[in-house]
Protein backbone atom coordinates (compact mmCIF):
# COMPACT_ATOMS: atom_id res chain seq x y z
CA UNK A 1 -6.84 -13.22 -4.83
CA UNK A 2 -4.02 -14.31 -2.52
CA UNK A 3 -6.38 -16.21 -0.23
CA UNK A 4 -6.67 -18.87 -2.93
CA UNK A 5 -2.92 -19.43 -2.79
CA UNK A 6 -2.91 -19.43 1.02
CA UNK A 7 -5.53 -22.19 1.13
CA UNK A 8 -3.39 -24.46 -1.06
CA UNK A 9 -0.21 -23.69 0.90
CA UNK A 10 -1.93 -24.83 4.09
CA UNK A 11 -2.24 -28.29 2.53
CA UNK A 12 0.89 -28.43 0.37
CA UNK A 13 4.49 -27.38 1.04
CA UNK A 14 6.43 -25.30 -1.46
CA UNK A 15 10.12 -25.33 -0.57
CA UNK A 16 11.49 -23.63 -3.67
CA UNK A 17 10.53 -20.87 -6.06
CA UNK A 18 9.74 -23.42 -8.77
CA UNK A 19 7.44 -25.35 -6.46
CA UNK A 20 5.77 -22.10 -5.36
CA UNK A 21 5.02 -21.17 -8.98
CA UNK A 22 3.34 -24.54 -9.50
CA UNK A 23 1.23 -24.06 -6.35
CA UNK A 24 0.13 -20.58 -7.44
CA UNK A 25 -0.81 -21.79 -10.92
CA UNK A 26 -2.85 -24.67 -9.48
CA UNK A 27 -4.64 -22.46 -6.93
CA UNK A 28 -7.13 -21.18 -9.49
CA UNK A 29 -9.75 -22.76 -11.71
CA UNK A 30 -8.85 -22.89 -14.50
CA UNK A 31 -5.12 -22.91 -13.64
CA UNK A 32 -3.26 -19.71 -14.47
CA UNK A 33 0.09 -19.34 -16.20
CA UNK A 34 2.97 -18.07 -14.07
CA UNK A 35 5.66 -15.94 -15.68
CA UNK A 36 8.89 -14.75 -14.06
CA UNK A 37 9.70 -11.10 -14.74
CA UNK A 38 13.45 -10.57 -14.92
CA UNK A 39 13.94 -7.21 -16.62
CA UNK A 40 11.43 -4.44 -17.32
CA UNK A 41 11.77 -1.27 -19.36
CA UNK A 42 12.05 1.96 -17.36
CA UNK A 43 8.89 3.53 -18.75
CA UNK A 44 8.66 5.78 -15.69
CA UNK A 45 11.90 7.63 -16.46
CA UNK A 46 11.03 7.67 -20.17
CA UNK A 47 7.69 9.34 -19.44
CA UNK A 48 8.69 11.64 -16.54
CA UNK A 49 10.00 14.62 -18.60
CA UNK A 50 6.64 14.82 -20.38
CA UNK A 51 4.37 14.75 -17.31
CA UNK A 52 2.37 17.87 -16.51
CA UNK A 53 3.76 17.82 -12.97
CA UNK A 54 4.33 15.65 -9.93
CA UNK A 55 1.40 13.34 -9.07
CA UNK A 56 0.12 13.49 -5.50
CA UNK A 57 -2.33 11.27 -3.55
CA UNK A 58 -2.82 9.03 -6.60
CA UNK A 59 -2.18 5.80 -4.69
CA UNK A 60 -5.38 6.10 -2.64
CA UNK A 61 -8.36 6.04 -5.09
CA UNK A 62 -9.48 2.66 -6.44
CA UNK A 63 -10.91 3.71 -9.82
CA UNK A 64 -9.27 5.68 -12.65
CA UNK A 65 -10.43 6.78 -16.08
CA UNK A 66 -8.19 8.17 -18.84
CA UNK A 67 -9.78 10.22 -21.61
CA UNK A 68 -8.49 11.67 -24.87
CA UNK A 69 -9.84 15.17 -25.47
CA UNK A 70 -8.46 17.66 -28.00
CA UNK A 71 -5.22 15.67 -28.26
CA UNK A 72 -4.81 15.79 -24.47
CA UNK A 73 -4.75 12.89 -22.00
CA UNK A 74 -7.11 13.62 -19.10
CA UNK A 75 -7.46 11.59 -15.92
CA UNK A 76 -10.47 11.22 -13.63
CA UNK A 77 -10.75 9.16 -10.47
CA UNK A 78 -13.09 7.97 -7.73
CA UNK A 79 -12.98 5.80 -4.65
CA UNK A 80 -15.95 3.47 -5.28
CA UNK A 81 -17.53 2.22 -8.48
CA UNK A 82 -20.79 4.14 -7.99
CA UNK A 83 -19.19 7.42 -6.84
CA UNK A 84 -19.12 10.39 -9.24
CA UNK A 85 -15.92 10.93 -11.18
CA UNK A 86 -13.57 13.62 -9.87
CA UNK A 87 -12.79 16.40 -10.57
CA UNK A 88 -16.40 17.30 -11.26
CA UNK A 89 -15.85 20.88 -12.41
CA UNK A 90 -13.47 19.96 -15.25
CA UNK A 91 -13.07 17.25 -17.84
CA UNK A 92 -10.16 15.82 -15.87
CA UNK A 93 -6.59 16.45 -14.82
CA UNK A 94 -4.19 16.93 -17.73
CA UNK A 95 -1.48 14.26 -17.50
CA UNK A 96 1.10 15.42 -20.05
CA UNK A 97 2.67 18.72 -21.04
CA UNK A 98 4.26 17.15 -24.13
CA UNK A 99 3.97 13.93 -26.12
CA UNK A 100 6.63 11.25 -25.56
CA UNK A 101 8.45 10.01 -28.64
CA UNK A 102 7.39 6.38 -28.95
CA UNK A 103 10.29 5.68 -31.30
CA UNK A 104 12.69 6.23 -28.39
CA UNK A 105 13.01 2.94 -26.52
CA UNK A 106 13.44 3.20 -22.72
CA UNK A 107 16.43 1.73 -20.92
CA UNK A 108 16.06 -1.27 -18.65
CA UNK A 109 15.29 -0.77 -14.97
CA UNK A 110 18.50 -1.41 -13.03
CA UNK A 111 17.68 -3.62 -10.01
CA UNK A 112 18.63 -2.15 -6.63
CA UNK A 113 20.71 -5.05 -5.34
CA UNK A 114 21.75 -3.04 -2.26
CA UNK A 115 18.37 -3.83 -0.71
CA UNK A 116 18.76 -7.54 -1.39
CA UNK A 117 21.29 -8.82 1.11
CA UNK A 118 22.21 -12.00 -0.75
CA UNK A 119 25.06 -13.01 1.63
CA UNK A 120 22.69 -12.64 4.58
CA UNK A 121 20.04 -14.79 2.89
CA UNK A 122 22.60 -17.46 2.05
CA UNK A 123 23.56 -17.56 5.73
CA UNK A 124 20.05 -17.16 7.12
CA UNK A 125 18.24 -19.85 5.09
CA UNK A 126 20.48 -22.80 6.06
CA UNK A 127 20.82 -21.56 9.64
CA UNK A 128 17.11 -21.10 10.33
CA UNK A 129 15.47 -23.47 7.87
CA UNK A 130 18.19 -25.88 6.76
CA UNK A 131 16.98 -28.63 9.07
CA UNK A 132 13.47 -28.45 7.60
CA UNK A 133 14.43 -28.18 3.94
CA UNK A 134 14.94 -31.30 1.83
CA UNK A 135 18.53 -31.49 0.57
CA UNK A 136 17.53 -30.92 -3.05
CA UNK A 137 15.54 -27.84 -2.03
CA UNK A 138 18.49 -26.44 -0.09
CA UNK A 139 20.73 -26.84 -3.14
CA UNK A 140 18.04 -25.23 -5.29
CA UNK A 141 18.00 -22.17 -3.02
CA UNK A 142 21.76 -21.77 -3.27
CA UNK A 143 21.59 -21.88 -7.06
CA UNK A 144 18.62 -19.49 -7.11
CA UNK A 145 20.32 -16.90 -4.89
CA UNK A 146 23.44 -17.11 -7.02
CA UNK A 147 21.32 -16.43 -10.11
CA UNK A 148 19.75 -13.38 -8.42
CA UNK A 149 23.19 -11.78 -8.19
CA UNK A 150 23.37 -11.69 -11.97
CA UNK A 151 20.30 -9.44 -12.16
CA UNK A 152 22.55 -6.49 -11.31
CA UNK A 153 23.85 -6.60 -14.89
CA UNK A 154 21.17 -5.59 -17.37
CA UNK A 155 21.16 -6.69 -21.04
CA UNK A 156 21.64 -4.26 -23.96
CA UNK A 157 18.76 -1.91 -24.75
CA UNK A 158 16.26 -3.70 -27.03
CA UNK A 159 15.89 -2.63 -30.64
CA UNK A 160 12.09 -2.69 -30.49
CA UNK A 161 9.34 -2.72 -27.90
CA UNK A 162 5.67 -3.57 -27.76
CA UNK A 163 4.25 -0.09 -27.12
CA UNK A 164 2.81 0.37 -30.60
CA UNK A 165 1.34 -3.12 -30.50
CA UNK A 166 -0.37 -2.20 -27.22
CA UNK A 167 -1.80 1.00 -28.73
CA UNK A 168 -3.20 -0.88 -31.71
CA UNK A 169 -5.01 -3.36 -29.46
CA UNK A 170 -6.76 -0.76 -27.27
CA UNK A 171 -10.53 -0.67 -27.31
CA UNK A 172 -11.48 2.99 -27.88
CA UNK A 173 -15.18 2.56 -27.22
CA UNK A 174 -16.51 4.58 -24.33
CA UNK A 175 -18.12 2.60 -21.53
CA UNK A 176 -21.47 4.25 -20.87
CA UNK A 177 -23.03 1.45 -18.85
CA UNK A 178 -24.08 2.34 -15.33
CA UNK A 179 -22.24 0.48 -12.59
CA UNK A 180 -24.56 -1.84 -10.65
CA UNK A 181 -24.81 -1.64 -6.89
CA UNK A 182 -22.92 -4.61 -5.43
CA UNK A 183 -24.50 -6.56 -2.60
CA UNK A 184 -22.96 -5.75 0.76
CA UNK A 185 -20.95 -2.78 -0.57
CA UNK A 186 -22.38 -0.18 1.89
CA UNK A 187 -21.27 -2.32 4.82
CA UNK A 188 -17.78 -2.71 3.37
CA UNK A 189 -17.48 1.03 2.86
CA UNK A 190 -18.47 1.74 6.46
CA UNK A 191 -15.84 -0.68 7.81
CA UNK A 192 -13.03 0.62 5.63
CA UNK A 193 -13.86 4.30 6.22
CA UNK A 194 -11.67 5.60 3.40
CA UNK A 195 -12.39 9.02 2.00
CA UNK A 196 -11.25 9.90 -1.48
CA UNK A 197 -8.34 12.37 -1.38
CA UNK A 198 -7.84 15.16 -3.87
CA UNK A 199 -5.34 14.04 -6.51
CA UNK A 200 -2.95 16.70 -7.75
CA UNK A 201 -0.82 16.86 -10.90
CA UNK A 202 1.55 19.78 -10.59
CA UNK A 203 -0.66 22.75 -9.67
CA UNK A 204 -3.83 21.05 -10.95
CA UNK A 205 -6.24 20.05 -8.20
CA UNK A 206 -4.49 22.17 -5.59
CA UNK A 207 -6.30 24.71 -3.46
CA UNK A 208 -5.38 26.69 -0.38
CA UNK A 209 -7.18 24.13 1.77
CA UNK A 210 -4.95 21.23 0.75
CA UNK A 211 -1.68 22.60 -0.65
CA UNK A 212 -0.25 23.58 2.72
CA UNK A 213 2.78 25.51 1.44
CA UNK A 214 4.22 28.29 3.55
CA UNK A 215 3.05 31.02 1.19
CA UNK A 216 -0.53 29.81 1.03
CA UNK A 217 -1.41 28.29 4.41
CA UNK A 218 0.10 28.85 7.84
CA UNK A 219 -2.72 27.24 9.82
CA UNK A 220 -1.73 23.71 10.91
CA UNK A 221 -5.38 22.65 10.67
CA UNK A 222 -4.68 22.08 6.96
CA UNK A 223 -2.32 19.19 7.80
CA UNK A 224 -3.66 15.92 6.33
CA UNK A 225 -2.68 12.25 6.36
CA UNK A 226 -0.61 11.38 3.31
CA UNK A 227 1.05 14.80 3.04
CA UNK A 228 4.80 15.18 2.99
CA UNK A 229 6.06 17.45 5.75
CA UNK A 230 9.33 19.10 6.78
CA UNK A 231 10.04 19.07 10.52
CA UNK A 232 12.26 21.09 12.84
CA UNK A 233 14.15 18.90 15.33
CA UNK A 234 16.76 19.76 17.95
CA UNK A 235 19.61 18.17 15.99
CA UNK A 236 20.37 20.62 13.18
CA UNK A 237 23.21 18.57 11.66
CA UNK A 238 20.96 16.16 9.71
CA UNK A 239 18.62 18.70 8.14
CA UNK A 240 16.29 18.66 6.35
CA UNK A 241 13.93 16.28 8.15
CA UNK A 242 11.30 15.05 5.72
CA UNK A 243 8.55 12.45 6.18
CA UNK A 244 4.99 11.46 5.33
CA UNK A 245 2.20 12.17 7.81
CA UNK A 246 0.59 8.82 8.62
CA UNK A 247 -1.61 9.85 11.54
CA UNK A 248 -2.83 13.07 13.13
CA UNK A 249 -3.99 13.90 16.64
CA UNK A 250 -5.03 17.14 18.28
CA UNK A 251 -1.52 18.43 19.02
CA UNK A 252 0.86 15.98 17.31
CA UNK A 253 1.32 13.84 14.23
CA UNK A 254 2.98 10.52 13.40
CA UNK A 255 5.70 10.82 10.74
CA UNK A 256 7.07 8.05 8.52
CA UNK A 257 10.57 9.40 7.96
CA UNK A 258 12.26 9.63 4.57
CA UNK A 259 15.99 9.50 3.84
CA UNK A 260 17.59 12.02 1.52
CA UNK A 261 19.27 15.40 1.19
CA UNK A 262 18.63 18.83 -0.26
CA UNK A 263 20.04 17.80 -3.63
CA UNK A 264 19.58 14.01 -3.56
CA UNK A 265 16.73 11.52 -3.85
CA UNK A 266 14.26 10.87 -1.03
CA UNK A 267 13.13 7.36 -0.10
CA UNK A 268 10.93 6.02 2.73
CA UNK A 269 13.05 5.03 5.74
CA UNK A 270 12.34 1.51 6.98
CA UNK A 271 13.99 -0.47 9.75
CA UNK A 272 14.51 -4.19 10.24
CA UNK A 273 15.13 -6.77 7.55
CA UNK A 274 13.32 -9.57 5.77
CA UNK A 275 9.83 -10.14 7.11
CA UNK A 276 10.52 -7.77 10.00
CA UNK A 277 10.81 -4.63 7.87
CA UNK A 278 8.73 -1.81 9.38
CA UNK A 279 8.41 1.89 8.59
CA UNK A 280 10.55 4.12 10.81
CA UNK A 281 8.01 6.43 12.45
CA UNK A 282 8.05 9.01 15.23
CA UNK A 283 5.50 11.21 16.96
CA UNK A 284 6.21 14.94 16.73
CA UNK A 285 4.25 17.95 17.90
CA UNK A 286 2.34 19.73 15.17
CA UNK A 287 4.09 22.99 16.01
CA UNK A 288 7.39 21.47 14.82
CA UNK A 289 6.11 21.24 11.24
CA UNK A 290 7.56 24.05 9.14
CA UNK A 291 6.27 23.06 5.69
CA UNK A 292 3.75 20.52 4.45
CA UNK A 293 1.67 19.52 1.44
CA UNK A 294 4.54 19.69 -1.06
CA UNK A 295 5.50 16.94 -3.52
CA UNK A 296 8.73 15.41 -4.75
CA UNK A 297 9.75 15.65 -8.39
CA UNK A 298 9.40 12.59 -10.67
CA UNK A 299 13.07 11.92 -9.82
CA UNK A 300 12.17 11.73 -6.09
CA UNK A 301 13.94 15.02 -5.30
CA UNK A 302 12.84 18.20 -3.55
CA UNK A 303 11.77 20.96 -5.98
CA UNK A 304 14.20 23.88 -5.89
CA UNK A 305 11.48 26.20 -4.59
CA UNK A 306 10.92 23.89 -1.61
CA UNK A 307 14.68 23.66 -0.99
CA UNK A 308 14.91 27.45 -0.86
CA UNK A 309 11.89 27.71 1.45
CA UNK A 310 13.29 25.10 3.81
CA UNK A 311 16.69 26.76 4.05
CA UNK A 312 15.05 30.12 4.73
CA UNK A 313 12.80 28.68 7.45
CA UNK A 314 15.62 26.79 9.16
CA UNK A 315 17.72 29.99 9.07
CA UNK A 316 14.90 31.94 10.75
CA UNK A 317 14.65 29.25 13.44
CA UNK A 318 18.41 29.40 14.08
CA UNK A 319 18.29 33.19 14.47
CA UNK A 320 15.87 32.85 17.38
CA UNK A 321 17.80 30.10 19.18
C-alpha cells in the first residue's frame, strides 16, 4: 500500500501536509480521496465496561471473524486465510458481558498533546530544513503547527452519531466460500515464521500452559514473547517493574519496559524523539521474573489481584535480602 506513495515521492517533492495529501491521492489508480481526521469518538472507553474481560495477544493474528449466536457476540481468529478458525473446540470467544446502550453517545477522544512537542518542532523544522524549504512552505508549516495546538480543545459532545446507520448497512450473510490458495503464499509464510498466538478475553482461552500467573505456573519455561512480566531489580524504589517480553533466550529475556505505578496507567516506555523514537529495552535474567502472563485492564491499569500478588512477592524478596 505505502510503496505506491513512496514511488511517487521519489519523483515529486511534498513540502507541506497539503501537498502530501495530493501526492497520496494521486499515487493510486483511480485516485483516492484523502480525508483529515481531527476528532474521533472514544468508542473504546464507551465499550470497555461491557467487555467480557481484557483482550490479550489480539494484535498478532491477521484474520478475525465475529459471529452472532444466541444474542452473544463471538470472535474467532486465524493467522492465514486458509488456516482453521480458532478456537476450534468452541463457537468462539465471547466478547461482551453486557450490551452497550447505543443511545449513549461517547465523548470525544482528547488528544495527548504532551507527546507532540510543538515548540521543538517549530524550532527543529527551520533549523534543520529551513534552507531546503520554499518560503511559502515554511510559512505553511508554521500555520499548520499553530493549528495543531488547538486540537487540545475538543468540541461539545455531538447530539447524534452514525452507529445505527452503520448497523443498518451491515451485510448479515454468512460467507461460506472456501478461501483459494494464493500463489507464493507458502514461501511467504516460511520467511515470516509467525505462529498464531492464543488470544484471551478475560479467562477465556487461558490455560496453565500460557497464563503464567504465580498460582498456576512457576516454571519459567512457560514464558512467551508478547507476555507482560513483572521483574525484580536491585533498585527497590521504583517498583513495580513491568514490561513486555520481546525476545527469549535460554537464560534471559529482552524486556520492553512500561511506565506506570500500582494504581496508575501503564504505557510502553520509548526513548528518543521524532524519527529516532525507539522502545526502551533491557536484557534481564529469566530468574528475575516474578510474575508473567497477566493482562492490563481496559483502562491500562494493573488488576487488583495482580497488584496484591506483586506486593506479596516483593515483600518475600525483601525478607531474604
